[in-house]
Amino acid sequence: MKKIALFLLVLVLLGATVYGAGRSQSSGGKPVFMLCISHMTNAFTTTVAKSMGDAAKAAGADLIINEGGNDISKQISQIESGINQKVNAIIIEPVSVSGVIPAVDAAMKAGIPVIIFNQRISDPSKATTFVGVSNDTLGALEMRRAVQDLGGKGNVALLLGPMGSDGQLGRSKGYADVIAQNPNVNVVFEETANWTTEEALKLVENWLQTGTQIDAIVCQNDGMALGAVKAVEDKGLSGNIKVYGLDAVPDALKAVKEGRLEVSVSQATERQSQMAIDIAMKLYKGETVPVENLVEGEVIDKANVDKHL
């Protein structure tokens, strides 16, 4: 996975990553799709880029990948580039649930189908279709397991994704729904670490220094969960604080197997990526597709982790 991330990072530094010819009018007559992904700073997004690129190649399509650096202005510019190139479909994993709407409108008006991927936009009707998961459901699965492990009572701390992103909003709602049903569970800290391991490590270190009792740390992705695990281990509290993650990235699954991370919730990253390309191909062929295409999440713990490694 580290090699994949490094490979993609080098290509991003050079410009857009291109699988295949990377032109809207391929010399082989192949369809050309564009993926506008919010960032490529963790294993989930690098896996999406790699998996979607492989799926496009297998389907006989070219895929241009643009990384937005969590900057909505940059992502809008990239989408506009796709419109100018007259690509056959644009797949967007949005930086902002609302900020991307004008660019979606522009693409649709230009006759280019728009597939919103993984993170929903504030007005789903603006795009052609959505491919992904229910973030509410993923968050609820994760929090329900944490509450179960705590016996229905205790202090939890929450590490959130970028505020206002669909992943953060949906998973937070899932958390809140479960906590509302468990009045003996108290949220003692709740802050964003922006999907990153480094920010999560620093935040949790700060929380632990306060002396506040924390029984579990529930994290909206695995990168942040691994940062939390390190902070807990460094403080010698591994047996006292349980940590929960989401995304089922390789390093997190290894930590689950080792007993360092309680669970990771899979959002079937490769299957989502394959589905996005399948939908793009159907749209290219003029076929009708559902307005929503979902894959199921799964809680992965020590009992079933081996089949995912």
Protein backbone atom coordinates (compact mmCIF):
# COMPACT_ATOMS: atom_id res chain seq x y z
CA MET A 1 0.00 0.00 0.00
CA LYS A 2 2.87 2.42 0.76
CA LYS A 3 4.28 1.74 -2.70
CA ILE A 4 0.91 2.50 -4.28
CA ALA A 5 0.61 5.75 -2.35
CA LEU A 6 4.13 6.83 -3.30
CA PHE A 7 3.55 5.94 -6.96
CA LEU A 8 0.35 7.96 -7.10
CA LEU A 9 1.91 10.88 -5.23
CA VAL A 10 4.72 11.14 -7.75
CA LEU A 11 2.21 11.16 -10.59
CA VAL A 12 0.08 13.79 -8.89
CA LEU A 13 3.11 16.03 -8.51
CA LEU A 14 3.62 15.72 -12.25
CA GLY A 15 -0.02 16.55 -12.97
CA ALA A 16 -3.12 14.45 -13.49
CA THR A 17 -2.70 10.72 -13.21
CA VAL A 18 -3.76 9.14 -16.49
CA TYR A 19 -4.69 5.50 -16.97
CA GLY A 20 -4.60 4.87 -20.72
CA ALA A 21 -4.49 7.54 -23.38
CA GLY A 22 -6.04 10.19 -21.11
CA ARG A 23 -7.71 12.08 -23.97
CA SER A 24 -11.38 12.73 -24.54
CA GLN A 25 -10.97 11.41 -28.07
CA SER A 26 -8.83 8.32 -27.63
CA SER A 27 -7.08 7.10 -30.76
CA GLY A 28 -8.58 3.70 -30.05
CA GLY A 29 -12.09 5.10 -29.79
CA LYS A 30 -12.26 4.24 -26.09
CA PRO A 31 -14.39 6.21 -23.63
CA VAL A 32 -12.53 8.63 -21.40
CA PHE A 33 -13.65 9.18 -17.81
CA MET A 34 -12.33 11.60 -15.20
CA LEU A 35 -12.07 10.98 -11.46
CA CYS A 36 -11.89 14.13 -9.33
CA ILE A 37 -10.92 12.87 -5.88
CA SER A 38 -10.82 15.12 -2.82
CA HIS A 39 -7.27 14.18 -1.77
CA MET A 40 -4.80 11.30 -1.78
CA THR A 41 -3.33 11.46 1.70
CA ASN A 42 -4.55 8.18 3.15
CA ALA A 43 -4.90 4.53 2.23
CA PHE A 44 -8.60 4.80 1.39
CA THR A 45 -8.20 7.44 -1.30
CA THR A 46 -5.05 5.91 -2.80
CA THR A 47 -6.85 2.56 -2.95
CA VAL A 48 -9.80 4.21 -4.69
CA ALA A 49 -7.51 5.76 -7.30
CA LYS A 50 -5.63 2.52 -7.94
CA SER A 51 -8.74 0.32 -7.96
CA MET A 52 -10.69 2.64 -10.23
CA GLY A 53 -7.76 2.96 -12.61
CA ASP A 54 -7.44 -0.82 -12.81
CA ALA A 55 -11.20 -1.22 -13.33
CA ALA A 56 -11.22 1.34 -16.15
CA LYS A 57 -8.33 -0.37 -17.89
CA ALA A 58 -10.08 -3.74 -17.63
CA ALA A 59 -13.27 -2.21 -19.06
CA GLY A 60 -11.41 -0.75 -22.03
CA ALA A 61 -11.67 2.87 -20.91
CA ASP A 62 -9.17 5.63 -20.16
CA LEU A 63 -9.30 7.28 -16.73
CA ILE A 64 -7.86 10.68 -15.85
CA ILE A 65 -7.36 11.14 -12.10
CA ASN A 66 -7.20 14.59 -10.54
CA GLU A 67 -6.41 15.06 -6.85
CA GLY A 68 -8.05 18.10 -5.25
CA GLY A 69 -5.86 18.59 -2.18
CA ASN A 70 -9.02 19.16 -0.09
CA ASP A 71 -9.33 22.51 -1.90
CA ILE A 72 -12.79 23.10 -3.39
CA SER A 73 -11.53 25.80 -5.77
CA LYS A 74 -8.95 23.38 -7.15
CA GLN A 75 -11.54 20.63 -7.52
CA ILE A 76 -13.92 22.94 -9.37
CA SER A 77 -11.10 23.90 -11.74
CA GLN A 78 -10.39 20.22 -12.38
CA ILE A 79 -14.04 19.51 -13.15
CA GLU A 80 -14.08 22.47 -15.54
CA SER A 81 -11.04 20.95 -17.24
CA GLY A 82 -12.99 17.72 -17.72
CA ILE A 83 -15.85 19.68 -19.26
CA ASN A 84 -13.47 21.43 -21.67
CA GLN A 85 -11.91 18.08 -22.62
CA LYS A 86 -15.40 16.67 -23.26
CA VAL A 87 -14.75 13.53 -21.23
CA ASN A 88 -17.50 10.93 -21.34
CA ALA A 89 -18.26 10.98 -17.60
CA ILE A 90 -16.94 12.72 -14.49
CA ILE A 91 -16.73 10.83 -11.20
CA ILE A 92 -16.50 13.19 -8.23
CA GLU A 93 -15.55 12.42 -4.64
CA PRO A 94 -16.42 15.91 -3.41
CA VAL A 95 -14.27 18.16 -1.25
CA SER A 96 -17.40 20.04 -0.17
CA VAL A 97 -20.99 18.80 -0.17
CA SER A 98 -22.29 22.20 -1.32
CA GLY A 99 -19.27 23.94 -2.85
CA VAL A 100 -19.03 21.47 -5.72
CA ILE A 101 -22.65 22.03 -6.87
CA PRO A 102 -21.91 24.80 -9.44
CA ALA A 103 -19.34 22.59 -11.17
CA VAL A 104 -21.76 19.65 -11.16
CA ASP A 105 -24.38 21.92 -12.74
CA ALA A 106 -21.91 23.01 -15.41
CA ALA A 107 -20.98 19.45 -16.31
CA MET A 108 -24.60 18.33 -16.53
CA LYS A 109 -25.50 21.33 -18.70
CA ALA A 110 -22.62 20.34 -20.99
CA GLY A 111 -24.19 16.91 -21.40
CA ILE A 112 -21.55 15.08 -19.34
CA PRO A 113 -22.92 12.54 -16.84
CA VAL A 114 -21.78 13.12 -13.25
CA ILE A 115 -21.29 10.26 -10.81
CA ILE A 116 -20.95 11.38 -7.19
CA PHE A 117 -18.70 8.92 -5.41
CA ASN A 118 -18.54 7.89 -1.73
CA GLN A 119 -19.45 11.28 -0.25
CA ARG A 120 -22.85 12.71 -1.13
CA ILE A 121 -23.53 16.27 -2.19
CA SER A 122 -26.14 18.50 -0.55
CA ASP A 123 -28.54 18.20 -3.51
CA PRO A 124 -28.19 14.68 -4.99
CA SER A 125 -30.68 15.51 -7.75
CA LYS A 126 -28.08 17.76 -9.38
CA ALA A 127 -25.97 14.77 -10.46
CA THR A 128 -26.76 11.75 -12.59
CA THR A 129 -26.23 9.16 -9.86
CA PHE A 130 -24.49 8.30 -6.60
CA VAL A 131 -22.14 5.37 -5.98
CA GLY A 132 -21.00 4.60 -2.46
CA VAL A 133 -22.17 3.72 1.00
CA SER A 134 -24.51 5.07 3.63
CA ASN A 135 -22.20 6.97 5.97
CA ASP A 136 -24.99 7.09 8.56
CA THR A 137 -25.07 3.29 8.55
CA LEU A 138 -21.27 2.96 8.75
CA GLY A 139 -21.11 5.33 11.71
CA ALA A 140 -23.92 3.51 13.47
CA LEU A 141 -22.25 0.11 12.91
CA GLU A 142 -19.02 1.39 14.42
CA MET A 143 -20.58 3.15 17.41
CA ARG A 144 -22.96 0.29 18.12
CA ARG A 145 -19.98 -2.06 18.43
CA ALA A 146 -18.14 0.37 20.72
CA VAL A 147 -21.18 0.73 22.98
CA GLN A 148 -21.60 -3.04 23.04
CA ASP A 149 -17.98 -3.53 24.08
CA LEU A 150 -18.40 -0.93 26.84
CA GLY A 151 -21.45 -2.69 28.23
CA GLY A 152 -23.65 0.29 27.44
CA LYS A 153 -21.86 2.81 29.65
CA GLY A 154 -18.65 4.83 29.65
CA ASN A 155 -16.85 7.87 28.28
CA VAL A 156 -16.12 8.05 24.55
CA ALA A 157 -14.03 10.48 22.52
CA LEU A 158 -14.74 11.07 18.85
CA LEU A 159 -12.23 11.81 16.08
CA LEU A 160 -14.05 13.36 13.14
CA GLY A 161 -13.26 13.88 9.47
CA PRO A 162 -13.11 17.34 7.85
CA MET A 163 -16.05 19.35 9.18
CA GLY A 164 -18.86 19.67 6.67
CA SER A 165 -17.72 16.76 4.50
CA ASP A 166 -20.34 14.12 3.81
CA GLY A 167 -18.27 11.46 5.54
CA GLN A 168 -18.08 13.56 8.70
CA LEU A 169 -21.75 14.57 8.65
CA GLY A 170 -23.10 11.11 7.91
CA ARG A 171 -20.88 9.19 10.32
CA SER A 172 -21.53 11.76 13.04
CA LYS A 173 -25.27 11.27 12.58
CA GLY A 174 -24.79 7.51 12.90
CA TYR A 175 -22.82 8.06 16.10
CA ALA A 176 -25.44 10.44 17.50
CA ASP A 177 -28.33 8.07 16.74
CA VAL A 178 -26.68 5.24 18.69
CA ILE A 179 -25.57 7.46 21.58
CA ALA A 180 -29.11 8.84 21.91
CA GLN A 181 -30.29 5.30 22.58
CA ASN A 182 -27.63 4.80 25.27
CA PRO A 183 -27.94 7.53 27.94
CA ASN A 184 -25.07 6.10 30.01
CA VAL A 185 -22.57 6.76 27.23
CA ASN A 186 -20.98 10.21 27.50
CA VAL A 187 -19.02 12.06 24.81
CA VAL A 188 -16.09 13.74 26.56
CA PHE A 189 -14.14 14.96 23.49
CA GLU A 190 -15.21 15.53 19.88
CA GLU A 191 -12.81 17.14 17.40
CA THR A 192 -11.72 16.86 13.79
CA ALA A 193 -8.35 15.41 12.82
CA ASN A 194 -9.10 15.87 9.10
CA TRP A 195 -8.64 12.17 8.25
CA THR A 196 -4.93 12.31 9.15
CA THR A 197 -2.87 10.13 11.48
CA GLU A 198 -0.60 12.97 12.58
CA GLU A 199 -3.42 15.30 13.67
CA ALA A 200 -5.16 12.46 15.46
CA LEU A 201 -1.98 11.55 17.35
CA LYS A 202 -1.54 15.12 18.60
CA LEU A 203 -5.20 15.52 19.55
CA VAL A 204 -5.32 12.30 21.53
CA GLU A 205 -2.03 13.13 23.26
CA ASN A 206 -3.62 16.40 24.37
CA TRP A 207 -6.79 14.65 25.55
CA LEU A 208 -4.81 12.14 27.59
CA GLN A 209 -2.81 14.91 29.25
CA THR A 210 -6.02 16.37 30.72
CA GLY A 211 -6.53 13.30 32.92
CA THR A 212 -10.13 12.94 31.72
CA GLN A 213 -11.31 9.33 31.78
CA ILE A 214 -11.69 7.94 28.27
CA ASP A 215 -12.96 4.40 27.80
CA ALA A 216 -13.11 4.36 24.00
CA ILE A 217 -11.99 6.47 21.05
CA VAL A 218 -14.24 6.14 18.01
CA CYS A 219 -12.67 7.40 14.80
CA GLN A 220 -14.28 8.21 11.47
CA ASN A 221 -11.44 6.64 9.49
CA ASP A 222 -8.56 4.25 10.05
CA GLY A 223 -5.82 6.82 9.57
CA MET A 224 -7.05 8.72 12.61
CA ALA A 225 -7.62 5.47 14.50
CA LEU A 226 -3.98 4.46 14.00
CA GLY A 227 -2.89 7.85 15.35
CA ALA A 228 -5.11 7.30 18.38
CA VAL A 229 -3.69 3.82 18.90
CA LYS A 230 -0.14 5.19 18.95
CA ALA A 231 -1.04 7.92 21.44
CA VAL A 232 -2.72 5.38 23.73
CA GLU A 233 0.20 2.96 23.47
CA ASP A 234 2.76 5.70 24.09
CA LYS A 235 0.90 6.58 27.30
CA GLY A 236 0.83 2.93 28.41
CA LEU A 237 -2.96 2.78 28.32
CA SER A 238 -3.53 0.04 25.74
CA GLY A 239 -5.53 -2.14 28.11
CA ASN A 240 -7.68 0.73 29.33
CA ILE A 241 -8.81 2.56 26.18
CA LYS A 242 -10.39 0.79 23.21
CA VAL A 243 -9.94 2.34 19.74
CA TYR A 244 -12.30 1.88 16.78
CA GLY A 245 -11.66 2.66 13.10
CA LEU A 246 -13.36 2.70 9.74
CA ASP A 247 -12.19 1.91 6.16
CA ALA A 248 -10.49 -1.49 6.63
CA VAL A 249 -7.15 -0.33 5.20
CA PRO A 250 -4.27 -2.85 5.38
CA ASP A 251 -2.43 -1.26 8.32
CA ALA A 252 -5.66 -1.10 10.33
CA LEU A 253 -6.51 -4.73 9.60
CA LYS A 254 -3.04 -5.70 10.78
CA ALA A 255 -3.65 -3.73 13.98
CA VAL A 256 -6.99 -5.52 14.46
CA LYS A 257 -5.28 -8.90 14.08
CA GLU A 258 -2.64 -7.87 16.62
CA GLY A 259 -5.31 -6.72 19.08
CA ARG A 260 -4.18 -3.10 19.01
CA LEU A 261 -7.35 -1.85 17.25
CA GLU A 262 -10.73 -3.25 18.31
CA VAL A 263 -12.47 -3.13 14.93
CA SER A 264 -12.43 -1.49 11.55
CA VAL A 265 -15.61 -1.08 9.55
CA SER A 266 -15.16 -1.93 5.87
CA GLN A 267 -16.81 0.24 3.27
CA ALA A 268 -15.86 -2.15 0.45
CA THR A 269 -13.48 0.32 -1.21
CA GLU A 270 -12.56 -1.83 -4.21
CA ARG A 271 -16.19 -2.77 -4.83
CA GLN A 272 -17.25 0.88 -4.75
CA SER A 273 -14.51 1.75 -7.23
CA GLN A 274 -15.46 -1.08 -9.59
CA MET A 275 -19.12 -0.07 -9.39
CA ALA A 276 -18.30 3.54 -10.33
CA ILE A 277 -16.58 2.40 -13.52
CA ASP A 278 -19.39 -0.07 -14.28
CA ILE A 279 -21.92 2.77 -13.98
CA ALA A 280 -19.77 5.08 -16.13
CA MET A 281 -19.61 2.42 -18.85
CA LYS A 282 -23.39 1.96 -18.76
CA LEU A 283 -23.92 5.69 -19.09
CA TYR A 284 -21.43 5.80 -21.98
CA LYS A 285 -23.49 3.11 -23.74
CA GLY A 286 -26.69 5.08 -23.19
CA GLU A 287 -28.13 2.75 -20.56
CA THR A 288 -30.32 3.88 -17.67
CA VAL A 289 -28.83 3.56 -14.18
CA PRO A 290 -30.37 3.87 -10.68
CA VAL A 291 -30.03 7.24 -8.97
CA GLU A 292 -28.36 5.51 -6.02
CA ASN A 293 -25.98 2.55 -6.00
CA LEU A 294 -24.88 1.35 -2.56
CA VAL A 295 -22.49 -1.28 -1.22
CA GLU A 296 -22.78 -2.75 2.27
CA GLY A 297 -20.43 -2.11 5.18
CA GLU A 298 -19.04 -4.81 7.48
CA VAL A 299 -17.59 -4.79 11.00
CA ILE A 300 -14.18 -6.48 10.99
CA ASP A 301 -12.71 -7.75 14.27
CA LYS A 302 -10.30 -10.48 15.34
CA ALA A 303 -12.91 -13.14 14.60
CA ASN A 304 -13.12 -12.40 10.86
CA VAL A 305 -10.06 -10.28 10.05
CA ASP A 306 -8.08 -13.13 8.45
CA LYS A 307 -10.42 -13.35 5.47
CA HIS A 308 -9.80 -9.66 4.74
CA LEU A 309 -6.01 -9.72 4.96
